[in-house]
């Protein structure tokens, strides 16, 4: 006889309606909030999985978060347990996450709040580059303004220069346009 599984797949509707950062049991600095939002908005979070314990009504959320400095190393593992509108457990594999309050955890919570506000039922899947519009042919726009050649100054972008900037020695021999 098959035994009942204690966990089932959960959705964002299983979270409390007013879910927010205030559910964390620690003081969150502004820098931690900003870095957490960066992790969420720039796509550092992936593999977000949500499970709900059938008997205890606890929602277990686990995710992976890419490292900000060493992207080729394994990502951090982030885990949050929510029971009745309170975060019972929050941990991350980073050094600051051992206390239960780090920017990776804050990023995951901000992602859950944003997805809930958008009316999504589950976390969005990560799109591969072939599913997105091509990026290489986009024009830059007017980032670089055109200037006449005689007014150009050629210099390396350094603060401590050994040489003076090289000024253009070309003479503009074109006739000026008359406004008739």
Protein backbone atom coordinates (compact mmCIF):
# COMPACT_ATOMS: atom_id res chain seq x y z
CA UNK A 1 0.00 0.00 0.00
CA UNK A 2 1.39 3.40 -0.96
CA UNK A 3 2.05 5.91 1.77
CA UNK A 4 0.90 9.51 1.46
CA UNK A 5 3.61 12.03 0.62
CA UNK A 6 4.02 14.65 3.35
CA UNK A 7 4.76 17.41 0.77
CA UNK A 8 2.89 18.59 -2.29
CA UNK A 9 3.72 21.23 -4.88
CA UNK A 10 2.84 24.73 -3.67
CA UNK A 11 2.08 27.96 -5.48
CA UNK A 12 2.32 31.65 -4.66
CA UNK A 13 -1.32 31.57 -3.58
CA UNK A 14 -0.27 29.37 -0.62
CA UNK A 15 1.70 32.31 0.81
CA UNK A 16 -0.03 34.89 3.04
CA UNK A 17 -1.69 37.73 1.08
CA UNK A 18 0.33 40.45 2.81
CA UNK A 19 3.66 38.64 2.63
CA UNK A 20 6.57 41.08 3.02
CA UNK A 21 10.10 41.61 4.32
CA UNK A 22 8.78 42.37 7.81
CA UNK A 23 8.29 38.66 8.39
CA UNK A 24 12.06 38.22 8.87
CA UNK A 25 13.08 38.14 12.52
CA UNK A 26 16.07 40.45 12.07
CA UNK A 27 16.92 44.05 11.32
CA UNK A 28 17.56 44.56 7.61
CA UNK A 29 19.90 47.35 6.52
CA UNK A 30 19.24 49.53 3.50
CA UNK A 31 22.30 48.09 1.71
CA UNK A 32 21.02 44.55 2.31
CA UNK A 33 17.62 45.53 0.84
CA UNK A 34 19.25 47.16 -2.19
CA UNK A 35 21.56 44.22 -2.84
CA UNK A 36 18.67 41.78 -2.39
CA UNK A 37 16.57 43.70 -4.90
CA UNK A 38 19.53 43.64 -7.31
CA UNK A 39 19.73 39.85 -6.99
CA UNK A 40 16.03 39.57 -7.78
CA UNK A 41 15.79 42.16 -10.57
CA UNK A 42 18.97 41.12 -12.40
CA UNK A 43 18.05 37.44 -12.50
CA UNK A 44 20.49 36.02 -9.96
CA UNK A 45 17.72 33.82 -8.47
CA UNK A 46 16.84 30.60 -10.24
CA UNK A 47 15.45 27.11 -9.55
CA UNK A 48 12.79 28.46 -7.18
CA UNK A 49 10.85 25.48 -5.80
CA UNK A 50 7.88 25.64 -3.45
CA UNK A 51 6.56 22.70 -1.42
CA UNK A 52 3.75 22.64 1.12
CA UNK A 53 3.67 20.22 4.05
CA UNK A 54 0.20 18.69 4.01
CA UNK A 55 -0.27 18.19 7.76
CA UNK A 56 1.54 21.23 9.16
CA UNK A 57 0.54 23.78 6.47
CA UNK A 58 4.19 24.89 6.23
CA UNK A 59 5.43 26.21 2.88
CA UNK A 60 9.07 25.39 2.12
CA UNK A 61 10.70 27.61 -0.51
CA UNK A 62 14.15 26.77 -1.85
CA UNK A 63 16.16 28.53 -4.53
CA UNK A 64 19.64 28.99 -5.90
CA UNK A 65 21.28 32.41 -6.09
CA UNK A 66 24.31 33.08 -8.27
CA UNK A 67 27.32 34.59 -6.54
CA UNK A 68 27.92 38.24 -7.27
CA UNK A 69 31.73 38.01 -7.47
CA UNK A 70 32.59 34.42 -8.42
CA UNK A 71 29.99 33.45 -10.99
CA UNK A 72 31.81 30.26 -12.03
CA UNK A 73 31.51 28.75 -8.52
CA UNK A 74 28.44 26.90 -7.32
CA UNK A 75 25.49 29.16 -6.46
CA UNK A 76 24.28 29.75 -2.90
CA UNK A 77 21.40 27.60 -1.63
CA UNK A 78 18.62 29.69 -0.09
CA UNK A 79 15.79 28.15 1.95
CA UNK A 80 12.78 29.67 3.71
CA UNK A 81 10.02 27.95 5.73
CA UNK A 82 6.79 29.92 6.19
CA UNK A 83 4.06 28.82 8.59
CA UNK A 84 0.92 30.88 9.11
CA UNK A 85 2.39 34.17 7.97
CA UNK A 86 5.62 33.84 9.95
CA UNK A 87 9.05 32.83 8.67
CA UNK A 88 10.06 29.93 10.88
CA UNK A 89 13.37 29.16 9.19
CA UNK A 90 15.56 31.11 6.79
CA UNK A 91 19.07 30.13 5.87
CA UNK A 92 21.58 30.54 3.09
CA UNK A 93 24.87 28.82 2.31
CA UNK A 94 26.76 32.14 2.37
CA UNK A 95 28.62 33.28 5.48
CA UNK A 96 26.08 35.98 6.38
CA UNK A 97 23.19 33.59 5.69
CA UNK A 98 24.02 31.38 8.67
CA UNK A 99 22.31 34.00 10.84
CA UNK A 100 19.14 33.69 8.75
CA UNK A 101 19.29 37.21 7.34
CA UNK A 102 21.37 37.98 4.24
CA UNK A 103 20.84 39.75 0.94
CA UNK A 104 20.18 36.45 -0.88
CA UNK A 105 17.26 35.68 1.47
CA UNK A 106 16.01 39.26 1.13
CA UNK A 107 16.21 38.95 -2.68
CA UNK A 108 14.16 35.75 -2.63
CA UNK A 109 11.52 37.33 -0.39
CA UNK A 110 11.37 40.44 -2.59
CA UNK A 111 10.99 38.20 -5.63
CA UNK A 112 8.11 36.31 -4.00
CA UNK A 113 6.41 39.60 -3.07
CA UNK A 114 6.80 40.99 -6.61
CA UNK A 115 5.53 37.81 -8.26
CA UNK A 116 2.57 37.78 -5.88
CA UNK A 117 1.79 41.45 -6.67
CA UNK A 118 1.94 40.67 -10.40
CA UNK A 119 -0.75 38.03 -9.89
CA UNK A 120 1.41 35.07 -10.90
CA UNK A 121 0.50 31.65 -9.54
CA UNK A 122 4.08 30.33 -9.59
CA UNK A 123 7.60 31.65 -10.00
CA UNK A 124 8.40 32.43 -13.64
CA UNK A 125 10.62 30.02 -15.51
CA UNK A 126 14.06 31.19 -16.54
CA UNK A 127 14.11 31.90 -20.27
CA UNK A 128 17.02 30.67 -22.35
CA UNK A 129 18.80 33.10 -24.66
CA UNK A 130 17.19 31.56 -27.76
CA UNK A 131 13.72 32.40 -26.43
CA UNK A 132 14.59 36.08 -26.03
CA UNK A 133 14.87 38.68 -28.81
CA UNK A 134 18.34 39.10 -30.24
CA UNK A 135 20.48 41.60 -28.38
CA UNK A 136 23.49 42.23 -30.60
CA UNK A 137 21.80 44.38 -33.26
CA UNK A 138 20.23 46.95 -30.98
CA UNK A 139 21.43 50.47 -31.68
CA UNK A 140 23.09 52.27 -28.81
CA UNK A 141 21.11 55.41 -29.34
CA UNK A 142 22.67 58.84 -28.89
CA UNK A 143 25.22 57.93 -26.23
CA UNK A 144 28.15 59.33 -28.22
CA UNK A 145 27.63 62.82 -29.61
CA UNK A 146 29.24 63.81 -32.85
CA UNK A 147 31.77 66.64 -32.76
CA UNK A 148 33.81 68.20 -35.56
CA UNK A 149 37.27 66.69 -36.02
CA UNK A 150 39.24 69.87 -35.19
CA UNK A 151 37.72 70.05 -31.72
CA UNK A 152 38.62 66.45 -30.79
CA UNK A 153 41.02 65.71 -27.95
CA UNK A 154 42.55 62.24 -27.89
CA UNK A 155 43.44 60.92 -24.45
CA UNK A 156 43.42 57.67 -22.50
CA UNK A 157 40.74 57.51 -19.80
CA UNK A 158 43.08 57.70 -16.79
CA UNK A 159 43.17 59.97 -13.80
CA UNK A 160 46.98 60.02 -13.43
CA UNK A 161 48.31 60.78 -16.93
CA UNK A 162 52.01 60.95 -17.69
CA UNK A 163 51.48 62.72 -21.01
CA UNK A 164 49.43 65.74 -21.92
CA UNK A 165 46.30 65.08 -24.02
CA UNK A 166 46.86 65.06 -27.77
CA UNK A 167 44.92 67.83 -29.47
CA UNK A 168 43.86 67.55 -33.05
CA UNK A 169 45.94 69.59 -35.51
CA UNK A 170 43.60 69.24 -38.49
CA UNK A 171 42.30 72.38 -40.13
CA UNK A 172 38.70 72.43 -41.26
CA UNK A 173 38.91 73.68 -44.85
CA UNK A 174 35.28 73.11 -45.68
CA UNK A 175 33.25 76.12 -46.69
CA UNK A 176 30.78 77.20 -44.07
CA UNK A 177 27.16 76.88 -45.09
CA UNK A 178 25.50 80.20 -45.58
CA UNK A 179 22.03 80.80 -44.25
CA UNK A 180 20.35 82.43 -47.23
